[in-house]
Amino acid sequence: MNGFFFGGFGIIFFLMFFLVFGMILFTFIKGIGEWNKNNHSPRITVDASVVAKRTQISRHHHSNTHHTTHSTSYYVTFQVESGDRMELHVDGSEYGMLVEGDYGKLTFQGTRYLGFERF
C-alpha cells in the first residue's frame, strides 16, 4: 500500500513539476520570441490619438514570509489615422503624462512603445 501511494504520489509530483517547468519554459521562449520580433521590426512614427488608458494590478503573496506585494502595469490604447487601434505597454511616468484625447506622433517598434510627442 505504501509503495502504491508513494509511487502514485511520485508520478503526480513529477507530472506537476514538468507541467510547471514547461509553462515557465514556454513563457520564457515566447518572451524571447516577442523581443526578437520587436528588434527586427521597423521603427514607425505615425499620427495617433490616445483613446483609452488602463492599469492592471497584480498581487503576489509570498507564503514563506507572509508578505504581499503588488505591481502595476500600465497600458495605453492609441488610434491611428486609418482607424486601427493598438494597445501598448508603457511605464508609469508615461502613463501619467498621457491624457485621453491627446493627439500627436506615436513611435513604436512591433509591440514596443517608444514614445509619444504631442502636437
C-alpha atoms as a PDB file:
ATOM      1  CA  MET A   1       0.000   0.000   0.000  1.00  0.00           C
ATOM      2  CA  ASN A   2       2.770   2.458   0.902  1.00  0.00           C
ATOM      3  CA  GLY A   3       4.624   1.625  -2.316  1.00  0.00           C
ATOM      4  CA  PHE A   4       1.488   2.377  -4.336  1.00  0.00           C
ATOM      5  CA  PHE A   5       0.839   5.678  -2.541  1.00  0.00           C
ATOM      6  CA  PHE A   6       4.399   6.919  -2.858  1.00  0.00           C
ATOM      7  CA  GLY A   7       4.621   5.565  -6.396  1.00  0.00           C
ATOM      8  CA  GLY A   8       1.378   7.349  -7.346  1.00  0.00           C
ATOM      9  CA  PHE A   9       2.428  10.457  -5.481  1.00  0.00           C
ATOM     10  CA  GLY A  10       5.815  10.384  -7.190  1.00  0.00           C
ATOM     11  CA  ILE A  11       4.223  10.166 -10.624  1.00  0.00           C
ATOM     12  CA  ILE A  12       1.847  13.034  -9.867  1.00  0.00           C
ATOM     13  CA  PHE A  13       4.676  15.093  -8.372  1.00  0.00           C
ATOM     14  CA  PHE A  14       6.869  14.668 -11.454  1.00  0.00           C
ATOM     15  CA  LEU A  15       3.952  15.363 -13.810  1.00  0.00           C
ATOM     16  CA  MET A  16       3.163  18.587 -11.949  1.00  0.00           C
ATOM     17  CA  PHE A  17       6.852  19.518 -11.854  1.00  0.00           C
ATOM     18  CA  PHE A  18       7.230  19.061 -15.613  1.00  0.00           C
ATOM     19  CA  LEU A  19       3.941  20.885 -16.261  1.00  0.00           C
ATOM     20  CA  VAL A  20       5.058  23.917 -14.233  1.00  0.00           C
ATOM     21  CA  PHE A  21       8.565  23.763 -15.703  1.00  0.00           C
ATOM     22  CA  GLY A  22       7.062  23.526 -19.206  1.00  0.00           C
ATOM     23  CA  MET A  23       4.854  26.571 -18.598  1.00  0.00           C
ATOM     24  CA  ILE A  24       7.821  28.593 -17.345  1.00  0.00           C
ATOM     25  CA  LEU A  25       9.937  27.493 -20.315  1.00  0.00           C
ATOM     26  CA  PHE A  26       7.101  28.298 -22.759  1.00  0.00           C
ATOM     27  CA  THR A  27       6.662  31.792 -21.262  1.00  0.00           C
ATOM     28  CA  PHE A  28      10.405  32.410 -21.403  1.00  0.00           C
ATOM     29  CA  ILE A  29      10.677  31.305 -25.048  1.00  0.00           C
ATOM     30  CA  LYS A  30       7.587  33.308 -26.004  1.00  0.00           C
ATOM     31  CA  GLY A  31       9.108  36.419 -24.386  1.00  0.00           C
ATOM     32  CA  ILE A  32      12.386  35.942 -26.253  1.00  0.00           C
ATOM     33  CA  GLY A  33      10.437  35.478 -29.494  1.00  0.00           C
ATOM     34  CA  GLU A  34       8.494  38.718 -28.973  1.00  0.00           C
ATOM     35  CA  TRP A  35      11.681  40.576 -28.029  1.00  0.00           C
ATOM     36  CA  ASN A  36      13.397  39.271 -31.183  1.00  0.00           C
ATOM     37  CA  LYS A  37      10.397  40.128 -33.380  1.00  0.00           C
ATOM     38  CA  ASN A  38      10.296  43.669 -31.957  1.00  0.00           C
ATOM     39  CA  ASN A  39      14.029  44.101 -32.579  1.00  0.00           C
ATOM     40  CA  HIS A  40      13.584  43.089 -36.225  1.00  0.00           C
ATOM     41  CA  SER A  41      10.505  45.294 -36.753  1.00  0.00           C
ATOM     42  CA  PRO A  42      10.928  48.763 -38.226  1.00  0.00           C
ATOM     43  CA  ARG A  43      10.590  51.826 -36.012  1.00  0.00           C
ATOM     44  CA  ILE A  44       7.388  53.503 -37.109  1.00  0.00           C
ATOM     45  CA  THR A  45       6.154  57.017 -36.348  1.00  0.00           C
ATOM     46  CA  VAL A  46       2.509  57.793 -37.115  1.00  0.00           C
ATOM     47  CA  ASP A  47      -0.085  60.415 -36.229  1.00  0.00           C
ATOM     48  CA  ALA A  48      -2.235  58.983 -33.442  1.00  0.00           C
ATOM     49  CA  SER A  49      -4.540  59.911 -30.608  1.00  0.00           C
ATOM     50  CA  VAL A  50      -4.856  58.492 -27.126  1.00  0.00           C
ATOM     51  CA  VAL A  51      -8.277  56.835 -26.874  1.00  0.00           C
ATOM     52  CA  ALA A  52      -8.062  54.823 -23.640  1.00  0.00           C
ATOM     53  CA  LYS A  53      -5.867  54.056 -20.653  1.00  0.00           C
ATOM     54  CA  ARG A  54      -5.942  51.140 -18.238  1.00  0.00           C
ATOM     55  CA  THR A  55      -3.956  49.599 -15.432  1.00  0.00           C
ATOM     56  CA  GLN A  56      -3.524  46.003 -14.375  1.00  0.00           C
ATOM     57  CA  ILE A  57      -2.654  45.352 -10.744  1.00  0.00           C
ATOM     58  CA  SER A  58      -1.025  42.035  -9.890  1.00  0.00           C
ATOM     59  CA  ARG A  59      -0.894  40.744  -6.337  1.00  0.00           C
ATOM     60  CA  HIS A  60       1.921  38.432  -5.298  1.00  0.00           C
ATOM     61  CA  HIS A  61       1.627  36.603  -1.983  1.00  0.00           C
ATOM     62  CA  HIS A  62       4.865  35.226  -0.557  1.00  0.00           C
ATOM     63  CA  SER A  63       3.780  32.338   1.660  1.00  0.00           C
ATOM     64  CA  ASN A  64       7.122  31.785   3.347  1.00  0.00           C
ATOM     65  CA  THR A  65       7.284  35.382   4.664  1.00  0.00           C
ATOM     66  CA  HIS A  66       3.536  36.114   4.848  1.00  0.00           C
ATOM     67  CA  HIS A  67       4.272  39.211   2.786  1.00  0.00           C
ATOM     68  CA  THR A  68       2.203  40.507  -0.122  1.00  0.00           C
ATOM     69  CA  THR A  69       3.492  42.750  -2.885  1.00  0.00           C
ATOM     70  CA  HIS A  70       1.616  44.481  -5.652  1.00  0.00           C
ATOM     71  CA  SER A  71       2.796  45.534  -9.084  1.00  0.00           C
ATOM     72  CA  THR A  72       1.005  47.747 -11.576  1.00  0.00           C
ATOM     73  CA  SER A  73       1.246  47.504 -15.354  1.00  0.00           C
ATOM     74  CA  TYR A  74       0.166  50.461 -17.469  1.00  0.00           C
ATOM     75  CA  TYR A  75      -1.419  50.282 -20.928  1.00  0.00           C
ATOM     76  CA  VAL A  76      -2.487  52.976 -23.381  1.00  0.00           C
ATOM     77  CA  THR A  77      -4.666  52.465 -26.469  1.00  0.00           C
ATOM     78  CA  PHE A  78      -3.760  54.605 -29.461  1.00  0.00           C
ATOM     79  CA  GLN A  79      -5.841  55.132 -32.597  1.00  0.00           C
ATOM     80  CA  VAL A  80      -4.057  55.899 -35.863  1.00  0.00           C
ATOM     81  CA  GLU A  81      -5.486  57.824 -38.845  1.00  0.00           C
ATOM     82  CA  SER A  82      -6.711  54.625 -40.564  1.00  0.00           C
ATOM     83  CA  GLY A  83      -8.930  53.936 -37.534  1.00  0.00           C
ATOM     84  CA  ASP A  84      -6.850  50.992 -36.331  1.00  0.00           C
ATOM     85  CA  ARG A  85      -6.190  50.794 -32.608  1.00  0.00           C
ATOM     86  CA  MET A  86      -3.257  49.342 -30.724  1.00  0.00           C
ATOM     87  CA  GLU A  87      -2.728  48.886 -27.016  1.00  0.00           C
ATOM     88  CA  LEU A  88       0.855  49.334 -25.883  1.00  0.00           C
ATOM     89  CA  HIS A  89       2.508  48.750 -22.524  1.00  0.00           C
ATOM     90  CA  VAL A  90       4.011  51.988 -21.167  1.00  0.00           C
ATOM     91  CA  ASP A  91       5.863  52.854 -17.984  1.00  0.00           C
ATOM     92  CA  GLY A  92       4.147  54.664 -15.130  1.00  0.00           C
ATOM     93  CA  SER A  93       5.606  58.102 -15.838  1.00  0.00           C
ATOM     94  CA  GLU A  94       4.459  57.990 -19.487  1.00  0.00           C
ATOM     95  CA  TYR A  95       1.043  56.761 -18.374  1.00  0.00           C
ATOM     96  CA  GLY A  96       0.710  59.729 -16.033  1.00  0.00           C
ATOM     97  CA  MET A  97       1.638  62.225 -18.743  1.00  0.00           C
ATOM     98  CA  LEU A  98      -0.779  60.903 -21.389  1.00  0.00           C
ATOM     99  CA  VAL A  99      -4.402  62.035 -21.380  1.00  0.00           C
ATOM    100  CA  GLU A 100      -7.286  60.587 -23.359  1.00  0.00           C
ATOM    101  CA  GLY A 101      -7.800  62.847 -26.366  1.00  0.00           C
ATOM    102  CA  ASP A 102      -4.102  63.758 -26.738  1.00  0.00           C
ATOM    103  CA  TYR A 103      -3.044  63.901 -30.397  1.00  0.00           C
ATOM    104  CA  GLY A 104       0.491  63.654 -31.690  1.00  0.00           C
ATOM    105  CA  LYS A 105       3.208  61.439 -33.135  1.00  0.00           C
ATOM    106  CA  LEU A 106       3.371  57.864 -31.805  1.00  0.00           C
ATOM    107  CA  THR A 107       6.631  55.978 -32.254  1.00  0.00           C
ATOM    108  CA  PHE A 108       6.662  52.214 -31.793  1.00  0.00           C
ATOM    109  CA  GLN A 109       8.593  49.130 -32.869  1.00  0.00           C
ATOM    110  CA  GLY A 110       6.487  45.996 -33.168  1.00  0.00           C
ATOM    111  CA  THR A 111       4.631  45.851 -29.844  1.00  0.00           C
ATOM    112  CA  ARG A 112       7.205  48.059 -28.088  1.00  0.00           C
ATOM    113  CA  TYR A 113       6.178  51.628 -27.183  1.00  0.00           C
ATOM    114  CA  LEU A 114       8.991  54.097 -27.902  1.00  0.00           C
ATOM    115  CA  GLY A 115       7.346  57.478 -27.335  1.00  0.00           C
ATOM    116  CA  PHE A 116       4.558  59.945 -27.978  1.00  0.00           C
ATOM    117  CA  GLU A 117       5.089  63.572 -28.912  1.00  0.00           C
ATOM    118  CA  ARG A 118       2.058  65.862 -28.640  1.00  0.00           C
ATOM    119  CA  PHE A 119       1.302  68.437 -31.330  1.00  0.00           C
END
